[in-house]
Amino acid sequence: MQWDTREDCEVRQILDRIADKWSLLVISLLEKRTLRFTELRKTIDGVSQRMLTTTLRQLERDGIVERTVYPVVPPRVDYALTPLGCTLHETIKALVVWTESNQAEIATARARYDARRAEG
């Protein structure tokens, strides 16, 4: 497979969206459950309200997340994965398993790299 590195490449744009840290966390949290905006914000350490709003809108636009608004006072908005989002979650889960399986090797490689940098 040859990667198209142009900024206007649609595949690159999709990968940029779904592979960013906030999107990965949102998709992981929405596995098999629906959450309100405030629940997502409280659970994701370090995300601002603006960034979470932007991330959710982009994931909704891409068909990964579904937003449901309930006509109550105060307004209630729930977020859930779409069927497409559920298939993406399976891929993310494989990436997490790979990371967990290889974290010791990566930590060792980082230590070697840092030691070489400190010497030279």
PDB file of N, CA and C in Angstrom:
ATOM      1  N   MET A   1       0.850  -1.177   0.000  1.00  0.00           N
ATOM      2  CA  MET A   1       0.000   0.000   0.000  1.00  0.00           C
ATOM      3  C   MET A   1       0.894   1.239   0.000  1.00  0.00           C
ATOM      4  N   GLN A   2       0.580   2.164  -0.823  1.00  0.00           N
ATOM      5  CA  GLN A   2       1.344   3.395  -0.891  1.00  0.00           C
ATOM      6  C   GLN A   2       0.521   4.520  -0.277  1.00  0.00           C
ATOM      7  N   TRP A   3       1.114   5.223   0.659  1.00  0.00           N
ATOM      8  CA  TRP A   3       0.395   6.288   1.366  1.00  0.00           C
ATOM      9  C   TRP A   3       0.417   7.568   0.559  1.00  0.00           C
ATOM     10  N   ASP A   4      -0.694   8.217   0.541  1.00  0.00           N
ATOM     11  CA  ASP A   4      -0.815   9.520  -0.086  1.00  0.00           C
ATOM     12  C   ASP A   4      -0.585  10.547   1.013  1.00  0.00           C
ATOM     13  N   THR A   5       0.491  11.284   0.945  1.00  0.00           N
ATOM     14  CA  THR A   5       0.857  12.203   2.020  1.00  0.00           C
ATOM     15  C   THR A   5       0.326  13.617   1.815  1.00  0.00           C
ATOM     16  N   ARG A   6      -0.438  13.815   0.750  1.00  0.00           N
ATOM     17  CA  ARG A   6      -0.997  15.153   0.519  1.00  0.00           C
ATOM     18  C   ARG A   6      -2.005  15.506   1.600  1.00  0.00           C
ATOM     19  N   GLU A   7      -2.016  16.754   1.981  1.00  0.00           N
ATOM     20  CA  GLU A   7      -2.914  17.214   3.040  1.00  0.00           C
ATOM     21  C   GLU A   7      -4.379  17.040   2.668  1.00  0.00           C
ATOM     22  N   ASP A   8      -4.718  17.120   1.384  1.00  0.00           N
ATOM     23  CA  ASP A   8      -6.113  17.012   0.975  1.00  0.00           C
ATOM     24  C   ASP A   8      -6.559  15.569   0.729  1.00  0.00           C
ATOM     25  N   CYS A   9      -5.703  14.605   1.041  1.00  0.00           N
ATOM     26  CA  CYS A   9      -6.051  13.198   0.874  1.00  0.00           C
ATOM     27  C   CYS A   9      -7.109  12.816   1.912  1.00  0.00           C
ATOM     28  N   GLU A  10      -8.229  12.263   1.454  1.00  0.00           N
ATOM     29  CA  GLU A  10      -9.332  11.946   2.354  1.00  0.00           C
ATOM     30  C   GLU A  10      -8.953  10.887   3.386  1.00  0.00           C
ATOM     31  N   VAL A  11      -8.183   9.882   2.975  1.00  0.00           N
ATOM     32  CA  VAL A  11      -7.750   8.843   3.922  1.00  0.00           C
ATOM     33  C   VAL A  11      -6.911   9.465   5.026  1.00  0.00           C
ATOM     34  N   ARG A  12      -6.009  10.336   4.650  1.00  0.00           N
ATOM     35  CA  ARG A  12      -5.177  11.007   5.653  1.00  0.00           C
ATOM     36  C   ARG A  12      -6.040  11.833   6.601  1.00  0.00           C
ATOM     37  N   GLN A  13      -7.023  12.530   6.073  1.00  0.00           N
ATOM     38  CA  GLN A  13      -7.903  13.342   6.916  1.00  0.00           C
ATOM     39  C   GLN A  13      -8.677  12.486   7.911  1.00  0.00           C
ATOM     40  N   ILE A  14      -9.174  11.341   7.453  1.00  0.00           N
ATOM     41  CA  ILE A  14      -9.907  10.440   8.346  1.00  0.00           C
ATOM     42  C   ILE A  14      -8.977   9.891   9.419  1.00  0.00           C
ATOM     43  N   LEU A  15      -7.790   9.453   9.026  1.00  0.00           N
ATOM     44  CA  LEU A  15      -6.824   8.940  10.006  1.00  0.00           C
ATOM     45  C   LEU A  15      -6.438  10.013  11.012  1.00  0.00           C
ATOM     46  N   ASP A  16      -6.235  11.227  10.552  1.00  0.00           N
ATOM     47  CA  ASP A  16      -5.913  12.325  11.473  1.00  0.00           C
ATOM     48  C   ASP A  16      -7.018  12.503  12.506  1.00  0.00           C
ATOM     49  N   ARG A  17      -8.262  12.372  12.078  1.00  0.00           N
ATOM     50  CA  ARG A  17      -9.401  12.564  12.975  1.00  0.00           C
ATOM     51  C   ARG A  17      -9.522  11.427  13.981  1.00  0.00           C
ATOM     52  N   ILE A  18      -9.536  10.200  13.508  1.00  0.00           N
ATOM     53  CA  ILE A  18      -9.816   9.088  14.413  1.00  0.00           C
ATOM     54  C   ILE A  18      -8.614   8.675  15.253  1.00  0.00           C
ATOM     55  N   ALA A  19      -7.428   9.097  14.855  1.00  0.00           N
ATOM     56  CA  ALA A  19      -6.224   8.684  15.593  1.00  0.00           C
ATOM     57  C   ALA A  19      -5.760   9.745  16.581  1.00  0.00           C
ATOM     58  N   ASP A  20      -6.465  10.853  16.711  1.00  0.00           N
ATOM     59  CA  ASP A  20      -6.013  11.834  17.699  1.00  0.00           C
ATOM     60  C   ASP A  20      -6.396  11.358  19.095  1.00  0.00           C
ATOM     61  N   LYS A  21      -5.673  11.846  20.089  1.00  0.00           N
ATOM     62  CA  LYS A  21      -5.840  11.294  21.451  1.00  0.00           C
ATOM     63  C   LYS A  21      -7.239  11.471  22.009  1.00  0.00           C
ATOM     64  N   TRP A  22      -7.895  12.583  21.730  1.00  0.00           N
ATOM     65  CA  TRP A  22      -9.227  12.801  22.286  1.00  0.00           C
ATOM     66  C   TRP A  22     -10.239  11.870  21.627  1.00  0.00           C
ATOM     67  N   SER A  23     -10.141  11.700  20.324  1.00  0.00           N
ATOM     68  CA  SER A  23     -11.063  10.802  19.628  1.00  0.00           C
ATOM     69  C   SER A  23     -10.914   9.371  20.121  1.00  0.00           C
ATOM     70  N   LEU A  24      -9.683   8.923  20.281  1.00  0.00           N
ATOM     71  CA  LEU A  24      -9.450   7.558  20.770  1.00  0.00           C
ATOM     72  C   LEU A  24     -10.073   7.357  22.146  1.00  0.00           C
ATOM     73  N   LEU A  25      -9.923   8.343  23.015  1.00  0.00           N
ATOM     74  CA  LEU A  25     -10.498   8.231  24.357  1.00  0.00           C
ATOM     75  C   LEU A  25     -12.020   8.236  24.323  1.00  0.00           C
ATOM     76  N   VAL A  26     -12.603   9.108  23.530  1.00  0.00           N
ATOM     77  CA  VAL A  26     -14.066   9.168  23.425  1.00  0.00           C
ATOM     78  C   VAL A  26     -14.607   7.843  22.889  1.00  0.00           C
ATOM     79  N   ILE A  27     -14.013   7.328  21.836  1.00  0.00           N
ATOM     80  CA  ILE A  27     -14.478   6.072  21.242  1.00  0.00           C
ATOM     81  C   ILE A  27     -14.361   4.932  22.255  1.00  0.00           C
ATOM     82  N   SER A  28     -13.268   4.901  22.996  1.00  0.00           N
ATOM     83  CA  SER A  28     -13.078   3.856  24.005  1.00  0.00           C
ATOM     84  C   SER A  28     -14.109   3.953  25.119  1.00  0.00           C
ATOM     85  N   LEU A  29     -14.404   5.156  25.558  1.00  0.00           N
ATOM     86  CA  LEU A  29     -15.374   5.336  26.645  1.00  0.00           C
ATOM     87  C   LEU A  29     -16.798   4.998  26.234  1.00  0.00           C
ATOM     88  N   LEU A  30     -17.103   5.179  24.970  1.00  0.00           N
ATOM     89  CA  LEU A  30     -18.468   4.930  24.503  1.00  0.00           C
ATOM     90  C   LEU A  30     -18.723   3.473  24.127  1.00  0.00           C
ATOM     91  N   GLU A  31     -17.740   2.617  24.374  1.00  0.00           N
ATOM     92  CA  GLU A  31     -17.940   1.199  24.073  1.00  0.00           C
ATOM     93  C   GLU A  31     -19.104   0.656  24.912  1.00  0.00           C
ATOM     94  N   LYS A  32     -20.119   0.156  24.235  1.00  0.00           N
ATOM     95  CA  LYS A  32     -21.266  -0.514  24.856  1.00  0.00           C
ATOM     96  C   LYS A  32     -22.044   0.340  25.853  1.00  0.00           C
ATOM     97  N   ARG A  33     -21.889   1.658  25.796  1.00  0.00           N
ATOM     98  CA  ARG A  33     -22.684   2.490  26.701  1.00  0.00           C
ATOM     99  C   ARG A  33     -22.850   3.891  26.114  1.00  0.00           C
ATOM    100  N   THR A  34     -23.872   4.544  26.586  1.00  0.00           N
ATOM    101  CA  THR A  34     -24.169   5.918  26.194  1.00  0.00           C
ATOM    102  C   THR A  34     -23.756   6.818  27.352  1.00  0.00           C
ATOM    103  N   LEU A  35     -23.129   7.934  27.019  1.00  0.00           N
ATOM    104  CA  LEU A  35     -22.701   8.876  28.052  1.00  0.00           C
ATOM    105  C   LEU A  35     -23.151  10.281  27.713  1.00  0.00           C
ATOM    106  N   ARG A  36     -23.376  11.062  28.740  1.00  0.00           N
ATOM    107  CA  ARG A  36     -23.690  12.472  28.572  1.00  0.00           C
ATOM    108  C   ARG A  36     -22.384  13.245  28.430  1.00  0.00           C
ATOM    109  N   PHE A  37     -22.484  14.454  27.887  1.00  0.00           N
ATOM    110  CA  PHE A  37     -21.305  15.293  27.689  1.00  0.00           C
ATOM    111  C   PHE A  37     -20.544  15.476  29.002  1.00  0.00           C
ATOM    112  N   THR A  38     -21.265  15.786  30.077  1.00  0.00           N
ATOM    113  CA  THR A  38     -20.594  16.039  31.364  1.00  0.00           C
ATOM    114  C   THR A  38     -19.882  14.795  31.878  1.00  0.00           C
ATOM    115  N   GLU A  39     -20.445  13.616  31.633  1.00  0.00           N
ATOM    116  CA  GLU A  39     -19.778  12.378  32.050  1.00  0.00           C
ATOM    117  C   GLU A  39     -18.481  12.174  31.273  1.00  0.00           C
ATOM    118  N   LEU A  40     -18.526  12.447  29.980  1.00  0.00           N
ATOM    119  CA  LEU A  40     -17.310  12.340  29.167  1.00  0.00           C
ATOM    120  C   LEU A  40     -16.248  13.325  29.652  1.00  0.00           C
ATOM    121  N   ARG A  41     -16.663  14.551  29.885  1.00  0.00           N
ATOM    122  CA  ARG A  41     -15.716  15.597  30.297  1.00  0.00           C
ATOM    123  C   ARG A  41     -15.076  15.266  31.642  1.00  0.00           C
ATOM    124  N   LYS A  42     -15.844  14.755  32.583  1.00  0.00           N
ATOM    125  CA  LYS A  42     -15.306  14.400  33.900  1.00  0.00           C
ATOM    126  C   LYS A  42     -14.349  13.214  33.819  1.00  0.00           C
ATOM    127  N   THR A  43     -14.609  12.315  32.898  1.00  0.00           N
ATOM    128  CA  THR A  43     -13.825  11.090  32.787  1.00  0.00           C
ATOM    129  C   THR A  43     -12.515  11.297  32.035  1.00  0.00           C
ATOM    130  N   ILE A  44     -12.499  12.204  31.062  1.00  0.00           N
ATOM    131  CA  ILE A  44     -11.304  12.417  30.237  1.00  0.00           C
ATOM    132  C   ILE A  44     -10.454  13.510  30.860  1.00  0.00           C
ATOM    133  N   ASP A  45      -9.419  13.113  31.530  1.00  0.00           N
ATOM    134  CA  ASP A  45      -8.535  14.043  32.216  1.00  0.00           C
ATOM    135  C   ASP A  45      -7.822  14.955  31.219  1.00  0.00           C
ATOM    136  N   GLY A  46      -7.927  16.253  31.432  1.00  0.00           N
ATOM    137  CA  GLY A  46      -7.185  17.220  30.626  1.00  0.00           C
ATOM    138  C   GLY A  46      -7.905  17.775  29.410  1.00  0.00           C
ATOM    139  N   VAL A  47      -9.075  17.260  29.070  1.00  0.00           N
ATOM    140  CA  VAL A  47      -9.767  17.772  27.889  1.00  0.00           C
ATOM    141  C   VAL A  47     -10.581  19.003  28.278  1.00  0.00           C
ATOM    142  N   SER A  48     -10.497  20.027  27.438  1.00  0.00           N
ATOM    143  CA  SER A  48     -11.289  21.229  27.683  1.00  0.00           C
ATOM    144  C   SER A  48     -12.693  21.031  27.112  1.00  0.00           C
ATOM    145  N   GLN A  49     -13.627  21.859  27.561  1.00  0.00           N
ATOM    146  CA  GLN A  49     -14.994  21.781  27.054  1.00  0.00           C
ATOM    147  C   GLN A  49     -15.007  22.027  25.550  1.00  0.00           C
ATOM    148  N   ARG A  50     -14.242  23.000  25.122  1.00  0.00           N
ATOM    149  CA  ARG A  50     -14.189  23.336  23.694  1.00  0.00           C
ATOM    150  C   ARG A  50     -13.631  22.180  22.870  1.00  0.00           C
ATOM    151  N   MET A  51     -12.540  21.557  23.343  1.00  0.00           N
ATOM    152  CA  MET A  51     -11.921  20.460  22.599  1.00  0.00           C
ATOM    153  C   MET A  51     -12.842  19.241  22.549  1.00  0.00           C
ATOM    154  N   LEU A  52     -13.520  18.947  23.661  1.00  0.00           N
ATOM    155  CA  LEU A  52     -14.443  17.812  23.666  1.00  0.00           C
ATOM    156  C   LEU A  52     -15.612  18.076  22.717  1.00  0.00           C
ATOM    157  N   THR A  53     -16.136  19.296  22.725  1.00  0.00           N
ATOM    158  CA  THR A  53     -17.224  19.655  21.812  1.00  0.00           C
ATOM    159  C   THR A  53     -16.784  19.482  20.363  1.00  0.00           C
ATOM    160  N   THR A  54     -15.607  19.985  20.040  1.00  0.00           N
ATOM    161  CA  THR A  54     -15.076  19.871  18.678  1.00  0.00           C
ATOM    162  C   THR A  54     -14.887  18.411  18.288  1.00  0.00           C
ATOM    163  N   THR A  55     -14.313  17.624  19.181  1.00  0.00           N
ATOM    164  CA  THR A  55     -14.071  16.207  18.912  1.00  0.00           C
ATOM    165  C   THR A  55     -15.375  15.471  18.671  1.00  0.00           C
ATOM    166  N   LEU A  56     -16.369  15.701  19.517  1.00  0.00           N
ATOM    167  CA  LEU A  56     -17.662  15.029  19.362  1.00  0.00           C
ATOM    168  C   LEU A  56     -18.350  15.431  18.057  1.00  0.00           C
ATOM    169  N   ARG A  57     -18.274  16.693  17.704  1.00  0.00           N
ATOM    170  CA  ARG A  57     -18.887  17.152  16.450  1.00  0.00           C
ATOM    171  C   ARG A  57     -18.219  16.490  15.245  1.00  0.00           C
ATOM    172  N   GLN A  58     -16.899  16.403  15.276  1.00  0.00           N
ATOM    173  CA  GLN A  58     -16.175  15.791  14.163  1.00  0.00           C
ATOM    174  C   GLN A  58     -16.486  14.297  14.058  1.00  0.00           C
ATOM    175  N   LEU A  59     -16.548  13.616  15.195  1.00  0.00           N
ATOM    176  CA  LEU A  59     -16.878  12.190  15.186  1.00  0.00           C
ATOM    177  C   LEU A  59     -18.321  11.960  14.738  1.00  0.00           C
ATOM    178  N   GLU A  60     -19.205  12.881  15.098  1.00  0.00           N
ATOM    179  CA  GLU A  60     -20.590  12.790  14.639  1.00  0.00           C
ATOM    180  C   GLU A  60     -20.651  13.002  13.125  1.00  0.00           C
ATOM    181  N   ARG A  61     -19.932  13.980  12.639  1.00  0.00           N
ATOM    182  CA  ARG A  61     -19.903  14.271  11.202  1.00  0.00           C
ATOM    183  C   ARG A  61     -19.390  13.067  10.408  1.00  0.00           C
ATOM    184  N   ASP A  62     -18.413  12.359  10.964  1.00  0.00           N
ATOM    185  CA  ASP A  62     -17.827  11.197  10.292  1.00  0.00           C
ATOM    186  C   ASP A  62     -18.653   9.919  10.469  1.00  0.00           C
ATOM    187  N   GLY A  63     -19.750   9.998  11.219  1.00  0.00           N
ATOM    188  CA  GLY A  63     -20.607   8.837  11.391  1.00  0.00           C
ATOM    189  C   GLY A  63     -20.113   7.850  12.433  1.00  0.00           C
ATOM    190  N   ILE A  64     -19.216   8.288  13.313  1.00  0.00           N
ATOM    191  CA  ILE A  64     -18.642   7.420  14.347  1.00  0.00           C
ATOM    192  C   ILE A  64     -19.469   7.495  15.631  1.00  0.00           C
ATOM    193  N   VAL A  65     -19.967   8.687  15.930  1.00  0.00           N
ATOM    194  CA  VAL A  65     -20.725   8.936  17.160  1.00  0.00           C
ATOM    195  C   VAL A  65     -22.107   9.467  16.791  1.00  0.00           C
ATOM    196  N   GLU A  66     -23.090   9.053  17.579  1.00  0.00           N
ATOM    197  CA  GLU A  66     -24.456   9.544  17.407  1.00  0.00           C
ATOM    198  C   GLU A  66     -24.809  10.426  18.601  1.00  0.00           C
ATOM    199  N   ARG A  67     -25.404  11.569  18.319  1.00  0.00           N
ATOM    200  CA  ARG A  67     -25.806  12.532  19.343  1.00  0.00           C
ATOM    201  C   ARG A  67     -27.327  12.524  19.422  1.00  0.00           C
ATOM    202  N   THR A  68     -27.845  12.338  20.638  1.00  0.00           N
ATOM    203  CA  THR A  68     -29.292  12.349  20.843  1.00  0.00           C
ATOM    204  C   THR A  68     -29.634  13.453  21.826  1.00  0.00           C
ATOM    205  N   VAL A  69     -30.520  14.362  21.400  1.00  0.00           N
ATOM    206  CA  VAL A  69     -30.952  15.482  22.235  1.00  0.00           C
ATOM    207  C   VAL A  69     -32.359  15.190  22.729  1.00  0.00           C
ATOM    208  N   TYR A  70     -32.542  15.329  24.049  1.00  0.00           N
ATOM    209  CA  TYR A  70     -33.858  15.118  24.650  1.00  0.00           C
ATOM    210  C   TYR A  70     -34.465  16.473  25.001  1.00  0.00           C
ATOM    211  N   PRO A  71     -35.727  16.713  24.623  1.00  0.00           N
ATOM    212  CA  PRO A  71     -36.362  18.016  24.861  1.00  0.00           C
ATOM    213  C   PRO A  71     -36.856  18.150  26.304  1.00  0.00           C
ATOM    214  N   VAL A  72     -35.913  18.259  27.208  1.00  0.00           N
ATOM    215  CA  VAL A  72     -36.235  18.437  28.627  1.00  0.00           C
ATOM    216  C   VAL A  72     -35.488  19.666  29.132  1.00  0.00           C
ATOM    217  N   VAL A  73     -35.861  20.119  30.318  1.00  0.00           N
ATOM    218  CA  VAL A  73     -35.180  21.261  30.935  1.00  0.00           C
ATOM    219  C   VAL A  73     -34.520  20.767  32.215  1.00  0.00           C
ATOM    220  N   PRO A  74     -33.221  20.925  32.365  1.00  0.00           N
ATOM    221  CA  PRO A  74     -32.263  21.409  31.363  1.00  0.00           C
ATOM    222  C   PRO A  74     -32.081  20.380  30.242  1.00  0.00           C
ATOM    223  N   PRO A  75     -31.592  20.844  29.090  1.00  0.00           N
ATOM    224  CA  PRO A  75     -31.426  19.945  27.940  1.00  0.00           C
ATOM    225  C   PRO A  75     -30.517  18.766  28.296  1.00  0.00           C
ATOM    226  N   ARG A  76     -30.861  17.613  27.769  1.00  0.00           N
ATOM    227  CA  ARG A  76     -30.054  16.419  27.987  1.00  0.00           C
ATOM    228  C   ARG A  76     -29.570  15.940  26.627  1.00  0.00           C
ATOM    229  N   VAL A  77     -28.257  15.714  26.525  1.00  0.00           N
ATOM    230  CA  VAL A  77     -27.660  15.241  25.283  1.00  0.00           C
ATOM    231  C   VAL A  77     -26.834  13.997  25.600  1.00  0.00           C
ATOM    232  N   ASP A  78     -27.117  12.919  24.887  1.00  0.00           N
ATOM    233  CA  ASP A  78     -26.379  11.672  25.051  1.00  0.00           C
ATOM    234  C   ASP A  78     -25.547  11.391  23.811  1.00  0.00           C
ATOM    235  N   TYR A  79     -24.432  10.711  24.019  1.00  0.00           N
ATOM    236  CA  TYR A  79     -23.563  10.306  22.924  1.00  0.00           C
ATOM    237  C   TYR A  79     -23.365   8.800  22.983  1.00  0.00           C
ATOM    238  N   ALA A  80     -23.362   8.176  21.806  1.00  0.00           N
ATOM    239  CA  ALA A  80     -23.155   6.732  21.706  1.00  0.00           C
ATOM    240  C   ALA A  80     -22.416   6.446  20.398  1.00  0.00           C
ATOM    241  N   LEU A  81     -21.757   5.297  20.357  1.00  0.00           N
ATOM    242  CA  LEU A  81     -21.119   4.880  19.118  1.00  0.00           C
ATOM    243  C   LEU A  81     -22.186   4.406  18.134  1.00  0.00           C
ATOM    244  N   THR A  82     -21.978   4.705  16.886  1.00  0.00           N
ATOM    245  CA  THR A  82     -22.816   4.162  15.816  1.00  0.00           C
ATOM    246  C   THR A  82     -22.299   2.754  15.510  1.00  0.00           C
ATOM    247  N   PRO A  83     -23.017   1.985  14.698  1.00  0.00           N
ATOM    248  CA  PRO A  83     -22.470   0.689  14.284  1.00  0.00           C
ATOM    249  C   PRO A  83     -21.078   0.817  13.649  1.00  0.00           C
ATOM    250  N   LEU A  84     -20.871   1.867  12.864  1.00  0.00           N
ATOM    251  CA  LEU A  84     -19.550   2.115  12.276  1.00  0.00           C
ATOM    252  C   LEU A  84     -18.521   2.382  13.371  1.00  0.00           C
ATOM    253  N   GLY A  85     -18.901   3.170  14.372  1.00  0.00           N
ATOM    254  CA  GLY A  85     -18.012   3.452  15.495  1.00  0.00           C
ATOM    255  C   GLY A  85     -17.645   2.201  16.272  1.00  0.00           C
ATOM    256  N   CYS A  86     -18.591   1.271  16.388  1.00  0.00           N
ATOM    257  CA  CYS A  86     -18.315  -0.001  17.085  1.00  0.00           C
ATOM    258  C   CYS A  86     -17.260  -0.806  16.340  1.00  0.00           C
ATOM    259  N   THR A  87     -17.299  -0.787  15.017  1.00  0.00           N
ATOM    260  CA  THR A  87     -16.268  -1.517  14.267  1.00  0.00           C
ATOM    261  C   THR A  87     -14.909  -0.862  14.450  1.00  0.00           C
ATOM    262  N   LEU A  88     -14.888   0.452  14.550  1.00  0.00           N
ATOM    263  CA  LEU A  88     -13.633   1.162  14.797  1.00  0.00           C
ATOM    264  C   LEU A  88     -13.103   0.844  16.185  1.00  0.00           C
ATOM    265  N   HIS A  89     -13.991   0.701  17.154  1.00  0.00           N
ATOM    266  CA  HIS A  89     -13.562   0.384  18.511  1.00  0.00           C
ATOM    267  C   HIS A  89     -12.789  -0.928  18.552  1.00  0.00           C
ATOM    268  N   GLU A  90     -13.204  -1.896  17.765  1.00  0.00           N
ATOM    269  CA  GLU A  90     -12.485  -3.179  17.710  1.00  0.00           C
ATOM    270  C   GLU A  90     -11.038  -2.967  17.255  1.00  0.00           C
ATOM    271  N   THR A  91     -10.827  -2.092  16.298  1.00  0.00           N
ATOM    272  CA  THR A  91      -9.479  -1.788  15.815  1.00  0.00           C
ATOM    273  C   THR A  91      -8.673  -1.078  16.893  1.00  0.00           C
ATOM    274  N   ILE A  92      -9.288  -0.150  17.584  1.00  0.00           N
ATOM    275  CA  ILE A  92      -8.611   0.568  18.659  1.00  0.00           C
ATOM    276  C   ILE A  92      -8.219  -0.398  19.772  1.00  0.00           C
ATOM    277  N   LYS A  93      -9.116  -1.331  20.076  1.00  0.00           N
ATOM    278  CA  LYS A  93      -8.829  -2.319  21.112  1.00  0.00           C
ATOM    279  C   LYS A  93      -7.588  -3.129  20.741  1.00  0.00           C
ATOM    280  N   ALA A  94      -7.439  -3.492  19.472  1.00  0.00           N
ATOM    281  CA  ALA A  94      -6.255  -4.225  19.019  1.00  0.00           C
ATOM    282  C   ALA A  94      -4.992  -3.387  19.219  1.00  0.00           C
ATOM    283  N   LEU A  95      -5.079  -2.083  18.976  1.00  0.00           N
ATOM    284  CA  LEU A  95      -3.941  -1.195  19.183  1.00  0.00           C
ATOM    285  C   LEU A  95      -3.568  -1.113  20.660  1.00  0.00           C
ATOM    286  N   VAL A  96      -4.560  -1.061  21.535  1.00  0.00           N
ATOM    287  CA  VAL A  96      -4.306  -1.025  22.978  1.00  0.00           C
ATOM    288  C   VAL A  96      -3.643  -2.328  23.434  1.00  0.00           C
ATOM    289  N   VAL A  97      -4.138  -3.450  22.948  1.00  0.00           N
ATOM    290  CA  VAL A  97      -3.543  -4.746  23.306  1.00  0.00           C
ATOM    291  C   VAL A  97      -2.091  -4.801  22.845  1.00  0.00           C
ATOM    292  N   TRP A  98      -1.810  -4.329  21.627  1.00  0.00           N
ATOM    293  CA  TRP A  98      -0.433  -4.291  21.120  1.00  0.00           C
ATOM    294  C   TRP A  98       0.438  -3.433  22.032  1.00  0.00           C
ATOM    295  N   THR A  99      -0.071  -2.270  22.424  1.00  0.00           N
ATOM    296  CA  THR A  99       0.681  -1.356  23.285  1.00  0.00           C
ATOM    297  C   THR A  99       0.975  -1.998  24.628  1.00  0.00           C
ATOM    298  N   GLU A 100      -0.024  -2.625  25.220  1.00  0.00           N
ATOM    299  CA  GLU A 100       0.175  -3.289  26.507  1.00  0.00           C
ATOM    300  C   GLU A 100       1.196  -4.417  26.391  1.00  0.00           C
ATOM    301  N   SER A 101       1.136  -5.169  25.301  1.00  0.00           N
ATOM    302  CA  SER A 101       2.057  -6.295  25.106  1.00  0.00           C
ATOM    303  C   SER A 101       3.497  -5.841  24.883  1.00  0.00           C
ATOM    304  N   ASN A 102       3.665  -4.651  24.348  1.00  0.00           N
ATOM    305  CA  ASN A 102       5.003  -4.184  23.976  1.00  0.00           C
ATOM    306  C   ASN A 102       5.515  -3.024  24.818  1.00  0.00           C
ATOM    307  N   GLN A 103       4.796  -2.641  25.873  1.00  0.00           N
ATOM    308  CA  GLN A 103       5.204  -1.462  26.637  1.00  0.00           C
ATOM    309  C   GLN A 103       6.571  -1.625  27.286  1.00  0.00           C
ATOM    310  N   ALA A 104       6.923  -2.810  27.762  1.00  0.00           N
ATOM    311  CA  ALA A 104       8.235  -3.016  28.394  1.00  0.00           C
ATOM    312  C   ALA A 104       9.352  -2.846  27.367  1.00  0.00           C
ATOM    313  N   GLU A 105       9.162  -3.414  26.182  1.00  0.00           N
ATOM    314  CA  GLU A 105      10.168  -3.279  25.130  1.00  0.00           C
ATOM    315  C   GLU A 105      10.320  -1.821  24.698  1.00  0.00           C
ATOM    316  N   ILE A 106       9.226  -1.106  24.628  1.00  0.00           N
ATOM    317  CA  ILE A 106       9.269   0.314  24.259  1.00  0.00           C
ATOM    318  C   ILE A 106       9.966   1.122  25.347  1.00  0.00           C
ATOM    319  N   ALA A 107       9.672   0.830  26.612  1.00  0.00           N
ATOM    320  CA  ALA A 107      10.329   1.530  27.727  1.00  0.00           C
ATOM    321  C   ALA A 107      11.832   1.295  27.690  1.00  0.00           C
ATOM    322  N   THR A 108      12.262   0.069  27.378  1.00  0.00           N
ATOM    323  CA  THR A 108      13.688  -0.242  27.272  1.00  0.00           C
ATOM    324  C   THR A 108      14.325   0.529  26.120  1.00  0.00           C
ATOM    325  N   ALA A 109      13.653   0.560  24.989  1.00  0.00           N
ATOM    326  CA  ALA A 109      14.172   1.303  23.833  1.00  0.00           C
ATOM    327  C   ALA A 109      14.288   2.790  24.153  1.00  0.00           C
ATOM    328  N   ARG A 110      13.316   3.345  24.858  1.00  0.00           N
ATOM    329  CA  ARG A 110      13.367   4.759  25.239  1.00  0.00           C
ATOM    330  C   ARG A 110      14.552   5.032  26.164  1.00  0.00           C
ATOM    331  N   ALA A 111      14.754   4.147  27.118  1.00  0.00           N
ATOM    332  CA  ALA A 111      15.873   4.318  28.062  1.00  0.00           C
ATOM    333  C   ALA A 111      17.210   4.273  27.321  1.00  0.00           C
ATOM    334  N   ARG A 112      17.353   3.333  26.388  1.00  0.00           N
ATOM    335  CA  ARG A 112      18.594   3.255  25.586  1.00  0.00           C
ATOM    336  C   ARG A 112      18.789   4.538  24.782  1.00  0.00           C
ATOM    337  N   TYR A 113      17.741   4.999  24.150  1.00  0.00           N
ATOM    338  CA  TYR A 113      17.808   6.217  23.348  1.00  0.00           C
ATOM    339  C   TYR A 113      18.196   7.410  24.220  1.00  0.00           C
ATOM    340  N   ASP A 114      17.526   7.562  25.357  1.00  0.00           N
ATOM    341  CA  ASP A 114      17.815   8.683  26.262  1.00  0.00           C
ATOM    342  C   ASP A 114      19.245   8.626  26.773  1.00  0.00           C
ATOM    343  N   ALA A 115      19.746   7.434  27.058  1.00  0.00           N
ATOM    344  CA  ALA A 115      21.129   7.294  27.528  1.00  0.00           C
ATOM    345  C   ALA A 115      22.123   7.705  26.442  1.00  0.00           C
ATOM    346  N   ARG A 116      21.864   7.308  25.196  1.00  0.00           N
ATOM    347  CA  ARG A 116      22.735   7.718  24.083  1.00  0.00           C
ATOM    348  C   ARG A 116      22.715   9.238  23.911  1.00  0.00           C
ATOM    349  N   ARG A 117      21.543   9.834  24.023  1.00  0.00           N
ATOM    350  CA  ARG A 117      21.420  11.291  23.871  1.00  0.00           C
ATOM    351  C   ARG A 117      22.152  12.025  24.991  1.00  0.00           C
ATOM    352  N   ALA A 118      22.114  11.478  26.199  1.00  0.00           N
ATOM    353  CA  ALA A 118      22.768  12.104  27.353  1.00  0.00           C
ATOM    354  C   ALA A 118      24.283  12.036  27.212  1.00  0.00           C
ATOM    355  N   GLU A 119      24.785  10.980  26.566  1.00  0.00           N
ATOM    356  CA  GLU A 119      26.235  10.804  26.385  1.00  0.00           C
ATOM    357  C   GLU A 119      26.795  11.743  25.317  1.00  0.00           C
ATOM    358  N   GLY A 120      26.022  11.985  24.312  1.00  0.00           N
ATOM    359  CA  GLY A 120      26.585  12.675  23.159  1.00  0.00           C
ATOM    360  C   GLY A 120      26.064  13.995  22.920  1.00  0.00           C
TER     361      GLY A 120
END
